[in-house]
């Protein structure tokens, strides 16, 4: 298989697995969220300036497609950039990671309170 075909196959497997997990977690009342990583490689606009993450139409479309495919609402999908090439800490990268962590903690607190 060519690389694009392999990627499409992998996306189908992930979506299928995610949908199965979603059915189980929704029935148990477990909140769902997704973390989209490597956002800088998905869009040159973000690679130039990470502060454009919420302005990127390309990333928004990718996130909407993912949201539709797996049923996780857009406000539960967190874009983050991995520390892969950086040698020093970057506040913009940390900000996205901490926002995702904050959402996870919020969902966890709500889940525990509702038990």
PDB file of N, CA and C in Angstrom:
ATOM      1  N   UNK A   1       0.827  -1.192   0.000  1.00  0.00           N
ATOM      2  CA  UNK A   1       0.000   0.000   0.000  1.00  0.00           C
ATOM      3  C   UNK A   1       0.868   1.250   0.000  1.00  0.00           C
ATOM      4  N   UNK A   2       0.390   2.259  -0.689  1.00  0.00           N
ATOM      5  CA  UNK A   2       1.114   3.534  -0.688  1.00  0.00           C
ATOM      6  C   UNK A   2       0.912   4.218   0.667  1.00  0.00           C
ATOM      7  N   UNK A   3       1.726   5.229   0.949  1.00  0.00           N
ATOM      8  CA  UNK A   3       1.636   5.916   2.240  1.00  0.00           C
ATOM      9  C   UNK A   3       0.246   6.532   2.462  1.00  0.00           C
ATOM     10  N   UNK A   4      -0.349   7.244   1.472  1.00  0.00           N
ATOM     11  CA  UNK A   4      -1.699   7.784   1.703  1.00  0.00           C
ATOM     12  C   UNK A   4      -2.736   6.690   1.974  1.00  0.00           C
ATOM     13  N   UNK A   5      -2.605   5.546   1.311  1.00  0.00           N
ATOM     14  CA  UNK A   5      -3.539   4.445   1.553  1.00  0.00           C
ATOM     15  C   UNK A   5      -3.349   3.874   2.954  1.00  0.00           C
ATOM     16  N   UNK A   6      -2.095   3.786   3.392  1.00  0.00           N
ATOM     17  CA  UNK A   6      -1.813   3.291   4.741  1.00  0.00           C
ATOM     18  C   UNK A   6      -2.399   4.232   5.786  1.00  0.00           C
ATOM     19  N   UNK A   7      -2.275   5.527   5.533  1.00  0.00           N
ATOM     20  CA  UNK A   7      -2.813   6.519   6.471  1.00  0.00           C
ATOM     21  C   UNK A   7      -4.330   6.407   6.535  1.00  0.00           C
ATOM     22  N   UNK A   8      -4.993   6.288   5.385  1.00  0.00           N
ATOM     23  CA  UNK A   8      -6.453   6.152   5.360  1.00  0.00           C
ATOM     24  C   UNK A   8      -6.893   4.893   6.091  1.00  0.00           C
ATOM     25  N   UNK A   9      -6.170   3.803   5.901  1.00  0.00           N
ATOM     26  CA  UNK A   9      -6.498   2.551   6.591  1.00  0.00           C
ATOM     27  C   UNK A   9      -6.349   2.712   8.094  1.00  0.00           C
ATOM     28  N   UNK A  10      -5.276   3.366   8.506  1.00  0.00           N
ATOM     29  CA  UNK A  10      -5.031   3.591   9.925  1.00  0.00           C
ATOM     30  C   UNK A  10      -6.118   4.476  10.526  1.00  0.00           C
ATOM     31  N   UNK A  11      -6.534   5.518   9.805  1.00  0.00           N
ATOM     32  CA  UNK A  11      -7.593   6.410  10.292  1.00  0.00           C
ATOM     33  C   UNK A  11      -8.893   5.626  10.470  1.00  0.00           C
ATOM     34  N   UNK A  12      -9.212   4.733   9.533  1.00  0.00           N
ATOM     35  CA  UNK A  12     -10.430   3.917   9.647  1.00  0.00           C
ATOM     36  C   UNK A  12     -10.370   3.026  10.877  1.00  0.00           C
ATOM     37  N   UNK A  13      -9.216   2.427  11.129  1.00  0.00           N
ATOM     38  CA  UNK A  13      -9.059   1.557  12.300  1.00  0.00           C
ATOM     39  C   UNK A  13      -9.203   2.367  13.582  1.00  0.00           C
ATOM     40  N   UNK A  14      -8.552   3.532  13.631  1.00  0.00           N
ATOM     41  CA  UNK A  14      -8.624   4.380  14.824  1.00  0.00           C
ATOM     42  C   UNK A  14     -10.054   4.846  15.062  1.00  0.00           C
ATOM     43  N   UNK A  15     -10.734   5.276  14.004  1.00  0.00           N
ATOM     44  CA  UNK A  15     -12.113   5.758  14.142  1.00  0.00           C
ATOM     45  C   UNK A  15     -13.024   4.635  14.622  1.00  0.00           C
ATOM     46  N   UNK A  16     -12.853   3.449  14.075  1.00  0.00           N
ATOM     47  CA  UNK A  16     -13.662   2.304  14.488  1.00  0.00           C
ATOM     48  C   UNK A  16     -13.414   1.986  15.957  1.00  0.00           C
ATOM     49  N   UNK A  17     -12.168   1.949  16.338  1.00  0.00           N
ATOM     50  CA  UNK A  17     -11.807   1.667  17.729  1.00  0.00           C
ATOM     51  C   UNK A  17     -12.332   2.755  18.654  1.00  0.00           C
ATOM     52  N   UNK A  18     -12.214   4.002  18.223  1.00  0.00           N
ATOM     53  CA  UNK A  18     -12.676   5.129  19.031  1.00  0.00           C
ATOM     54  C   UNK A  18     -14.192   5.073  19.193  1.00  0.00           C
ATOM     55  N   UNK A  19     -14.903   4.724  18.133  1.00  0.00           N
ATOM     56  CA  UNK A  19     -16.362   4.632  18.218  1.00  0.00           C
ATOM     57  C   UNK A  19     -16.782   3.520  19.174  1.00  0.00           C
ATOM     58  N   UNK A  20     -16.071   2.396  19.143  1.00  0.00           N
ATOM     59  CA  UNK A  20     -16.388   1.314  20.077  1.00  0.00           C
ATOM     60  C   UNK A  20     -16.135   1.749  21.515  1.00  0.00           C
ATOM     61  N   UNK A  21     -15.024   2.416  21.738  1.00  0.00           N
ATOM     62  CA  UNK A  21     -14.694   2.921  23.070  1.00  0.00           C
ATOM     63  C   UNK A  21     -15.729   3.950  23.513  1.00  0.00           C
ATOM     64  N   UNK A  22     -16.162   4.775  22.561  1.00  0.00           N
ATOM     65  CA  UNK A  22     -17.157   5.804  22.866  1.00  0.00           C
ATOM     66  C   UNK A  22     -18.452   5.177  23.360  1.00  0.00           C
ATOM     67  N   UNK A  23     -18.909   4.109  22.719  1.00  0.00           N
ATOM     68  CA  UNK A  23     -20.150   3.457  23.131  1.00  0.00           C
ATOM     69  C   UNK A  23     -20.054   2.961  24.568  1.00  0.00           C
ATOM     70  N   UNK A  24     -18.916   2.384  24.903  1.00  0.00           N
ATOM     71  CA  UNK A  24     -18.715   1.872  26.263  1.00  0.00           C
ATOM     72  C   UNK A  24     -18.642   3.017  27.265  1.00  0.00           C
ATOM     73  N   UNK A  25     -17.858   4.044  26.956  1.00  0.00           N
ATOM     74  CA  UNK A  25     -17.664   5.130  27.912  1.00  0.00           C
ATOM     75  C   UNK A  25     -18.918   5.988  28.073  1.00  0.00           C
ATOM     76  N   UNK A  26     -19.657   6.210  27.005  1.00  0.00           N
ATOM     77  CA  UNK A  26     -20.884   7.000  27.102  1.00  0.00           C
ATOM     78  C   UNK A  26     -21.891   6.278  27.978  1.00  0.00           C
ATOM     79  N   UNK A  27     -22.008   4.968  27.792  1.00  0.00           N
ATOM     80  CA  UNK A  27     -22.962   4.216  28.605  1.00  0.00           C
ATOM     81  C   UNK A  27     -22.553   4.206  30.077  1.00  0.00           C
ATOM     82  N   UNK A  28     -21.260   4.344  30.356  1.00  0.00           N
ATOM     83  CA  UNK A  28     -20.780   4.387  31.745  1.00  0.00           C
ATOM     84  C   UNK A  28     -20.735   5.817  32.276  1.00  0.00           C
ATOM     85  N   UNK A  29     -21.034   6.797  31.448  1.00  0.00           N
ATOM     86  CA  UNK A  29     -21.017   8.192  31.874  1.00  0.00           C
ATOM     87  C   UNK A  29     -19.629   8.809  31.925  1.00  0.00           C
ATOM     88  N   UNK A  30     -18.657   8.168  31.296  1.00  0.00           N
ATOM     89  CA  UNK A  30     -17.283   8.669  31.307  1.00  0.00           C
ATOM     90  C   UNK A  30     -17.146   9.758  30.246  1.00  0.00           C
ATOM     91  N   UNK A  31     -16.685  10.944  30.624  1.00  0.00           N
ATOM     92  CA  UNK A  31     -16.533  12.017  29.636  1.00  0.00           C
ATOM     93  C   UNK A  31     -15.434  11.683  28.626  1.00  0.00           C
ATOM     94  N   UNK A  32     -15.573  12.223  27.442  1.00  0.00           N
ATOM     95  CA  UNK A  32     -14.607  11.969  26.378  1.00  0.00           C
ATOM     96  C   UNK A  32     -13.948  13.249  25.932  1.00  0.00           C
ATOM     97  N   UNK A  33     -12.694  13.103  25.569  1.00  0.00           N
ATOM     98  CA  UNK A  33     -11.964  14.198  24.956  1.00  0.00           C
ATOM     99  C   UNK A  33     -10.892  13.597  24.067  1.00  0.00           C
ATOM    100  N   UNK A  34     -10.366  14.401  23.174  1.00  0.00           N
ATOM    101  CA  UNK A  34      -9.297  13.946  22.291  1.00  0.00           C
ATOM    102  C   UNK A  34      -8.195  15.001  22.299  1.00  0.00           C
ATOM    103  N   UNK A  35      -6.973  14.529  22.160  1.00  0.00           N
ATOM    104  CA  UNK A  35      -5.830  15.428  22.065  1.00  0.00           C
ATOM    105  C   UNK A  35      -5.216  15.231  20.689  1.00  0.00           C
ATOM    106  N   UNK A  36      -5.206  16.287  19.902  1.00  0.00           N
ATOM    107  CA  UNK A  36      -4.628  16.255  18.559  1.00  0.00           C
ATOM    108  C   UNK A  36      -3.186  16.739  18.682  1.00  0.00           C
ATOM    109  N   UNK A  37      -2.246  15.876  18.343  1.00  0.00           N
ATOM    110  CA  UNK A  37      -0.833  16.212  18.513  1.00  0.00           C
ATOM    111  C   UNK A  37      -0.183  16.556  17.180  1.00  0.00           C
ATOM    112  N   UNK A  38       1.019  17.053  17.262  1.00  0.00           N
ATOM    113  CA  UNK A  38       1.819  17.414  16.077  1.00  0.00           C
ATOM    114  C   UNK A  38       1.102  18.408  15.173  1.00  0.00           C
ATOM    115  N   UNK A  39       0.400  19.349  15.756  1.00  0.00           N
ATOM    116  CA  UNK A  39      -0.373  20.298  14.958  1.00  0.00           C
ATOM    117  C   UNK A  39       0.507  21.178  14.081  1.00  0.00           C
ATOM    118  N   UNK A  40       1.749  21.367  14.494  1.00  0.00           N
ATOM    119  CA  UNK A  40       2.655  22.203  13.700  1.00  0.00           C
ATOM    120  C   UNK A  40       2.994  21.549  12.371  1.00  0.00           C
ATOM    121  N   UNK A  41       2.983  20.225  12.303  1.00  0.00           N
ATOM    122  CA  UNK A  41       3.288  19.543  11.038  1.00  0.00           C
ATOM    123  C   UNK A  41       2.073  19.499  10.125  1.00  0.00           C
ATOM    124  N   UNK A  42       0.890  19.732  10.675  1.00  0.00           N
ATOM    125  CA  UNK A  42      -0.334  19.687   9.874  1.00  0.00           C
ATOM    126  C   UNK A  42      -0.587  20.990   9.125  1.00  0.00           C
ATOM    127  N   UNK A  43       0.032  22.059   9.595  1.00  0.00           N
ATOM    128  CA  UNK A  43      -0.273  23.366   9.017  1.00  0.00           C
ATOM    129  C   UNK A  43       0.943  24.283   9.113  1.00  0.00           C
ATOM    130  N   UNK A  44       1.375  24.801   7.983  1.00  0.00           N
ATOM    131  CA  UNK A  44       2.520  25.700   7.942  1.00  0.00           C
ATOM    132  C   UNK A  44       2.289  26.984   8.703  1.00  0.00           C
ATOM    133  N   UNK A  45       1.045  27.445   8.717  1.00  0.00           N
ATOM    134  CA  UNK A  45       0.674  28.672   9.434  1.00  0.00           C
ATOM    135  C   UNK A  45       0.962  28.517  10.934  1.00  0.00           C
ATOM    136  N   UNK A  46       0.682  27.342  11.463  1.00  0.00           N
ATOM    137  CA  UNK A  46       0.918  27.077  12.882  1.00  0.00           C
ATOM    138  C   UNK A  46       2.403  26.840  13.128  1.00  0.00           C
ATOM    139  N   UNK A  47       3.069  26.221  12.170  1.00  0.00           N
ATOM    140  CA  UNK A  47       4.498  25.961  12.321  1.00  0.00           C
ATOM    141  C   UNK A  47       5.275  27.271  12.443  1.00  0.00           C
ATOM    142  N   UNK A  48       4.833  28.298  11.697  1.00  0.00           N
ATOM    143  CA  UNK A  48       5.491  29.602  11.757  1.00  0.00           C
ATOM    144  C   UNK A  48       5.244  30.295  13.090  1.00  0.00           C
ATOM    145  N   UNK A  49       3.982  30.229  13.559  1.00  0.00           N
ATOM    146  CA  UNK A  49       3.621  30.887  14.810  1.00  0.00           C
ATOM    147  C   UNK A  49       2.520  30.080  15.492  1.00  0.00           C
ATOM    148  N   UNK A  50       2.859  29.446  16.595  1.00  0.00           N
ATOM    149  CA  UNK A  50       1.931  28.579  17.301  1.00  0.00           C
ATOM    150  C   UNK A  50       0.704  29.334  17.808  1.00  0.00           C
ATOM    151  N   UNK A  51       0.816  30.634  17.930  1.00  0.00           N
ATOM    152  CA  UNK A  51      -0.324  31.425  18.392  1.00  0.00           C
ATOM    153  C   UNK A  51      -1.470  31.440  17.380  1.00  0.00           C
ATOM    154  N   UNK A  52      -1.211  30.964  16.154  1.00  0.00           N
ATOM    155  CA  UNK A  52      -2.249  30.903  15.119  1.00  0.00           C
ATOM    156  C   UNK A  52      -3.074  29.625  15.195  1.00  0.00           C
ATOM    157  N   UNK A  53      -2.876  28.834  16.229  1.00  0.00           N
ATOM    158  CA  UNK A  53      -3.526  27.529  16.296  1.00  0.00           C
ATOM    159  C   UNK A  53      -5.055  27.634  16.199  1.00  0.00           C
ATOM    160  N   UNK A  54      -5.658  28.614  16.829  1.00  0.00           N
ATOM    161  CA  UNK A  54      -7.109  28.742  16.789  1.00  0.00           C
ATOM    162  C   UNK A  54      -7.593  29.583  15.618  1.00  0.00           C
ATOM    163  N   UNK A  55      -6.667  30.088  14.812  1.00  0.00           N
ATOM    164  CA  UNK A  55      -7.019  30.856  13.624  1.00  0.00           C
ATOM    165  C   UNK A  55      -6.913  30.019  12.351  1.00  0.00           C
ATOM    166  N   UNK A  56      -6.272  28.873  12.425  1.00  0.00           N
ATOM    167  CA  UNK A  56      -6.005  28.048  11.252  1.00  0.00           C
ATOM    168  C   UNK A  56      -7.275  27.360  10.749  1.00  0.00           C
ATOM    169  N   UNK A  57      -7.680  27.714   9.553  1.00  0.00           N
ATOM    170  CA  UNK A  57      -8.854  27.087   8.938  1.00  0.00           C
ATOM    171  C   UNK A  57      -8.573  25.630   8.597  1.00  0.00           C
ATOM    172  N   UNK A  58      -7.335  25.348   8.211  1.00  0.00           N
ATOM    173  CA  UNK A  58      -6.959  23.973   7.862  1.00  0.00           C
ATOM    174  C   UNK A  58      -7.068  23.057   9.090  1.00  0.00           C
ATOM    175  N   UNK A  59      -6.538  23.498  10.211  1.00  0.00           N
ATOM    176  CA  UNK A  59      -6.604  22.688  11.428  1.00  0.00           C
ATOM    177  C   UNK A  59      -8.048  22.556  11.909  1.00  0.00           C
ATOM    178  N   UNK A  60      -8.803  23.636  11.825  1.00  0.00           N
ATOM    179  CA  UNK A  60     -10.211  23.592  12.230  1.00  0.00           C
ATOM    180  C   UNK A  60     -10.971  22.562  11.401  1.00  0.00           C
ATOM    181  N   UNK A  61     -10.711  22.526  10.100  1.00  0.00           N
ATOM    182  CA  UNK A  61     -11.381  21.548   9.240  1.00  0.00           C
ATOM    183  C   UNK A  61     -10.993  20.124   9.630  1.00  0.00           C
ATOM    184  N   UNK A  62      -9.698  19.896   9.883  1.00  0.00           N
ATOM    185  CA  UNK A  62      -9.232  18.569  10.300  1.00  0.00           C
ATOM    186  C   UNK A  62      -9.906  18.158  11.612  1.00  0.00           C
ATOM    187  N   UNK A  63     -10.011  19.093  12.545  1.00  0.00           N
ATOM    188  CA  UNK A  63     -10.636  18.789  13.827  1.00  0.00           C
ATOM    189  C   UNK A  63     -12.133  18.528  13.660  1.00  0.00           C
ATOM    190  N   UNK A  64     -12.793  19.285  12.789  1.00  0.00           N
ATOM    191  CA  UNK A  64     -14.220  19.052  12.525  1.00  0.00           C
ATOM    192  C   UNK A  64     -14.435  17.690  11.886  1.00  0.00           C
ATOM    193  N   UNK A  65     -13.562  17.331  10.937  1.00  0.00           N
ATOM    194  CA  UNK A  65     -13.665  16.014  10.299  1.00  0.00           C
ATOM    195  C   UNK A  65     -13.507  14.907  11.342  1.00  0.00           C
ATOM    196  N   UNK A  66     -12.522  15.064  12.223  1.00  0.00           N
ATOM    197  CA  UNK A  66     -12.300  14.079  13.278  1.00  0.00           C
ATOM    198  C   UNK A  66     -13.502  14.025  14.213  1.00  0.00           C
ATOM    199  N   UNK A  67     -14.007  15.189  14.578  1.00  0.00           N
ATOM    200  CA  UNK A  67     -15.164  15.266  15.466  1.00  0.00           C
ATOM    201  C   UNK A  67     -16.358  14.529  14.862  1.00  0.00           C
ATOM    202  N   UNK A  68     -16.598  14.745  13.588  1.00  0.00           N
ATOM    203  CA  UNK A  68     -17.704  14.071  12.906  1.00  0.00           C
ATOM    204  C   UNK A  68     -17.480  12.570  12.827  1.00  0.00           C
ATOM    205  N   UNK A  69     -16.244  12.173  12.597  1.00  0.00           N
ATOM    206  CA  UNK A  69     -15.934  10.753  12.424  1.00  0.00           C
ATOM    207  C   UNK A  69     -16.088   9.961  13.716  1.00  0.00           C
ATOM    208  N   UNK A  70     -15.712  10.562  14.839  1.00  0.00           N
ATOM    209  CA  UNK A  70     -15.719   9.805  16.094  1.00  0.00           C
ATOM    210  C   UNK A  70     -16.789  10.261  17.080  1.00  0.00           C
ATOM    211  N   UNK A  71     -17.436  11.384  16.825  1.00  0.00           N
ATOM    212  CA  UNK A  71     -18.528  11.825  17.680  1.00  0.00           C
ATOM    213  C   UNK A  71     -18.110  12.586  18.922  1.00  0.00           C
ATOM    214  N   UNK A  72     -16.879  13.048  18.960  1.00  0.00           N
ATOM    215  CA  UNK A  72     -16.427  13.861  20.096  1.00  0.00           C
ATOM    216  C   UNK A  72     -16.626  15.329  19.723  1.00  0.00           C
ATOM    217  N   UNK A  73     -17.324  16.099  20.555  1.00  0.00           N
ATOM    218  CA  UNK A  73     -17.582  17.507  20.221  1.00  0.00           C
ATOM    219  C   UNK A  73     -16.290  18.314  20.064  1.00  0.00           C
ATOM    220  N   UNK A  74     -16.362  19.339  19.250  1.00  0.00           N
ATOM    221  CA  UNK A  74     -15.190  20.191  18.985  1.00  0.00           C
ATOM    222  C   UNK A  74     -14.616  20.797  20.261  1.00  0.00           C
ATOM    223  N   UNK A  75     -15.474  21.145  21.214  1.00  0.00           N
ATOM    224  CA  UNK A  75     -14.966  21.773  22.439  1.00  0.00           C
ATOM    225  C   UNK A  75     -14.292  20.765  23.374  1.00  0.00           C
ATOM    226  N   UNK A  76     -14.255  19.504  22.968  1.00  0.00           N
ATOM    227  CA  UNK A  76     -13.576  18.458  23.741  1.00  0.00           C
ATOM    228  C   UNK A  76     -12.353  17.926  22.998  1.00  0.00           C
ATOM    229  N   UNK A  77     -11.936  18.638  21.964  1.00  0.00           N
ATOM    230  CA  UNK A  77     -10.753  18.265  21.197  1.00  0.00           C
ATOM    231  C   UNK A  77      -9.696  19.341  21.428  1.00  0.00           C
ATOM    232  N   UNK A  78      -8.546  18.924  21.942  1.00  0.00           N
ATOM    233  CA  UNK A  78      -7.487  19.868  22.293  1.00  0.00           C
ATOM    234  C   UNK A  78      -6.299  19.727  21.354  1.00  0.00           C
ATOM    235  N   UNK A  79      -5.954  20.789  20.643  1.00  0.00           N
ATOM    236  CA  UNK A  79      -4.745  20.738  19.816  1.00  0.00           C
ATOM    237  C   UNK A  79      -3.510  21.030  20.661  1.00  0.00           C
ATOM    238  N   UNK A  80      -2.475  20.216  20.500  1.00  0.00           N
ATOM    239  CA  UNK A  80      -1.215  20.457  21.203  1.00  0.00           C
ATOM    240  C   UNK A  80      -0.041  20.219  20.259  1.00  0.00           C
ATOM    241  N   UNK A  81       1.057  20.848  20.578  1.00  0.00           N
ATOM    242  CA  UNK A  81       2.297  20.650  19.831  1.00  0.00           C
ATOM    243  C   UNK A  81       3.228  19.834  20.700  1.00  0.00           C
ATOM    244  N   UNK A  82       3.827  18.837  20.114  1.00  0.00           N
ATOM    245  CA  UNK A  82       4.778  18.006  20.853  1.00  0.00           C
ATOM    246  C   UNK A  82       6.116  18.731  20.988  1.00  0.00           C
ATOM    247  N   UNK A  83       6.801  18.462  22.074  1.00  0.00           N
ATOM    248  CA  UNK A  83       8.183  18.900  22.225  1.00  0.00           C
ATOM    249  C   UNK A  83       9.045  17.868  21.508  1.00  0.00           C
ATOM    250  N   UNK A  84       9.264  18.060  20.225  1.00  0.00           N
ATOM    251  CA  UNK A  84      10.037  17.072  19.472  1.00  0.00           C
ATOM    252  C   UNK A  84      11.374  17.629  18.996  1.00  0.00           C
ATOM    253  N   UNK A  85      11.397  18.886  18.616  1.00  0.00           N
ATOM    254  CA  UNK A  85      12.620  19.483  18.083  1.00  0.00           C
ATOM    255  C   UNK A  85      13.190  20.569  18.980  1.00  0.00           C
ATOM    256  N   UNK A  86      12.449  20.968  19.992  1.00  0.00           N
ATOM    257  CA  UNK A  86      12.857  22.075  20.833  1.00  0.00           C
ATOM    258  C   UNK A  86      13.916  21.647  21.837  1.00  0.00           C
ATOM    259  N   UNK A  87      14.822  22.529  22.079  1.00  0.00           N
ATOM    260  CA  UNK A  87      15.832  22.297  23.101  1.00  0.00           C
ATOM    261  C   UNK A  87      15.503  23.055  24.377  1.00  0.00           C
ATOM    262  N   UNK A  88      14.614  24.044  24.243  1.00  0.00           N
ATOM    263  CA  UNK A  88      14.244  24.859  25.390  1.00  0.00           C
ATOM    264  C   UNK A  88      12.735  24.880  25.547  1.00  0.00           C
ATOM    265  N   UNK A  89      12.301  25.214  26.742  1.00  0.00           N
ATOM    266  CA  UNK A  89      10.874  25.286  27.044  1.00  0.00           C
ATOM    267  C   UNK A  89      10.269  26.469  26.283  1.00  0.00           C
ATOM    268  N   UNK A  90       9.061  26.246  25.758  1.00  0.00           N
ATOM    269  CA  UNK A  90       8.358  27.270  24.989  1.00  0.00           C
ATOM    270  C   UNK A  90       6.999  27.517  25.644  1.00  0.00           C
ATOM    271  N   UNK A  91       6.736  28.756  26.042  1.00  0.00           N
ATOM    272  CA  UNK A  91       5.484  29.084  26.728  1.00  0.00           C
ATOM    273  C   UNK A  91       4.259  28.792  25.876  1.00  0.00           C
ATOM    274  N   UNK A  92       4.342  28.980  24.559  1.00  0.00           N
ATOM    275  CA  UNK A  92       3.200  28.717  23.682  1.00  0.00           C
ATOM    276  C   UNK A  92       2.866  27.227  23.634  1.00  0.00           C
ATOM    277  N   UNK A  93       3.886  26.396  23.597  1.00  0.00           N
ATOM    278  CA  UNK A  93       3.680  24.941  23.614  1.00  0.00           C
ATOM    279  C   UNK A  93       3.086  24.536  24.961  1.00  0.00           C
ATOM    280  N   UNK A  94       3.662  25.058  26.034  1.00  0.00           N
ATOM    281  CA  UNK A  94       3.173  24.749  27.374  1.00  0.00           C
ATOM    282  C   UNK A  94       1.722  25.175  27.563  1.00  0.00           C
ATOM    283  N   UNK A  95       1.363  26.312  27.011  1.00  0.00           N
ATOM    284  CA  UNK A  95       0.009  26.831  27.152  1.00  0.00           C
ATOM    285  C   UNK A  95      -1.022  25.852  26.579  1.00  0.00           C
ATOM    286  N   UNK A  96      -0.746  25.300  25.405  1.00  0.00           N
ATOM    287  CA  UNK A  96      -1.677  24.346  24.801  1.00  0.00           C
ATOM    288  C   UNK A  96      -1.745  23.052  25.607  1.00  0.00           C
ATOM    289  N   UNK A  97      -0.593  22.578  26.060  1.00  0.00           N
ATOM    290  CA  UNK A  97      -0.556  21.345  26.857  1.00  0.00           C
ATOM    291  C   UNK A  97      -1.317  21.542  28.170  1.00  0.00           C
ATOM    292  N   UNK A  98      -1.095  22.677  28.821  1.00  0.00           N
ATOM    293  CA  UNK A  98      -1.772  22.946  30.087  1.00  0.00           C
ATOM    294  C   UNK A  98      -3.274  23.144  29.904  1.00  0.00           C
ATOM    295  N   UNK A  99      -3.688  23.706  28.781  1.00  0.00           N
ATOM    296  CA  UNK A  99      -5.125  23.839  28.500  1.00  0.00           C
ATOM    297  C   UNK A  99      -5.772  22.465  28.374  1.00  0.00           C
ATOM    298  N   UNK A 100      -5.093  21.546  27.704  1.00  0.00           N
ATOM    299  CA  UNK A 100      -5.609  20.178  27.572  1.00  0.00           C
ATOM    300  C   UNK A 100      -5.675  19.507  28.943  1.00  0.00           C
ATOM    301  N   UNK A 101      -4.641  19.689  29.736  1.00  0.00           N
ATOM    302  CA  UNK A 101      -4.614  19.106  31.080  1.00  0.00           C
ATOM    303  C   UNK A 101      -5.729  19.681  31.944  1.00  0.00           C
ATOM    304  N   UNK A 102      -5.937  20.979  31.844  1.00  0.00           N
ATOM    305  CA  UNK A 102      -7.005  21.629  32.610  1.00  0.00           C
ATOM    306  C   UNK A 102      -8.372  21.041  32.254  1.00  0.00           C
ATOM    307  N   UNK A 103      -8.600  20.813  30.962  1.00  0.00           N
ATOM    308  CA  UNK A 103      -9.870  20.221  30.523  1.00  0.00           C
ATOM    309  C   UNK A 103     -10.017  18.795  31.059  1.00  0.00           C
ATOM    310  N   UNK A 104      -8.932  18.021  31.022  1.00  0.00           N
ATOM    311  CA  UNK A 104      -8.967  16.655  31.568  1.00  0.00           C
ATOM    312  C   UNK A 104      -9.334  16.668  33.048  1.00  0.00           C
ATOM    313  N   UNK A 105      -8.704  17.555  33.797  1.00  0.00           N
ATOM    314  CA  UNK A 105      -8.975  17.644  35.232  1.00  0.00           C
ATOM    315  C   UNK A 105     -10.421  18.066  35.472  1.00  0.00           C
ATOM    316  N   UNK A 106     -10.887  19.019  34.706  1.00  0.00           N
ATOM    317  CA  UNK A 106     -12.277  19.485  34.834  1.00  0.00           C
ATOM    318  C   UNK A 106     -13.250  18.337  34.577  1.00  0.00           C
ATOM    319  N   UNK A 107     -13.024  17.580  33.486  1.00  0.00           N
ATOM    320  CA  UNK A 107     -13.892  16.437  33.173  1.00  0.00           C
ATOM    321  C   UNK A 107     -13.823  15.388  34.283  1.00  0.00           C
ATOM    322  N   UNK A 108     -12.613  15.135  34.785  1.00  0.00           N
ATOM    323  CA  UNK A 108     -12.450  14.153  35.861  1.00  0.00           C
ATOM    324  C   UNK A 108     -13.172  14.573  37.128  1.00  0.00           C
ATOM    325  N   UNK A 109     -13.047  15.842  37.496  1.00  0.00           N
ATOM    326  CA  UNK A 109     -13.740  16.352  38.680  1.00  0.00           C
ATOM    327  C   UNK A 109     -15.249  16.212  38.527  1.00  0.00           C
ATOM    328  N   UNK A 110     -15.771  16.604  37.362  1.00  0.00           N
ATOM    329  CA  UNK A 110     -17.214  16.502  37.127  1.00  0.00           C
ATOM    330  C   UNK A 110     -17.676  15.043  37.203  1.00  0.00           C
ATOM    331  N   UNK A 111     -16.885  14.131  36.646  1.00  0.00           N
ATOM    332  CA  UNK A 111     -17.230  12.723  36.640  1.00  0.00           C
ATOM    333  C   UNK A 111     -17.285  12.192  38.076  1.00  0.00           C
ATOM    334  N   UNK A 112     -16.281  12.531  38.879  1.00  0.00           N
ATOM    335  CA  UNK A 112     -16.220  12.067  40.271  1.00  0.00           C
ATOM    336  C   UNK A 112     -17.385  12.644  41.080  1.00  0.00           C
ATOM    337  N   UNK A 113     -17.698  13.912  40.875  1.00  0.00           N
ATOM    338  CA  UNK A 113     -18.806  14.548  41.600  1.00  0.00           C
ATOM    339  C   UNK A 113     -20.139  13.913  41.266  1.00  0.00           C
ATOM    340  N   UNK A 114     -20.295  13.461  40.022  1.00  0.00           N
ATOM    341  CA  UNK A 114     -21.562  12.869  39.587  1.00  0.00           C
ATOM    342  C   UNK A 114     -21.720  11.405  39.985  1.00  0.00           C
ATOM    343  N   UNK A 115     -20.669  10.826  40.550  1.00  0.00           N
ATOM    344  CA  UNK A 115     -20.751   9.396  40.934  1.00  0.00           C
ATOM    345  C   UNK A 115     -21.612   9.193  42.140  1.00  0.00           C
TER     346      UNK A 115
END
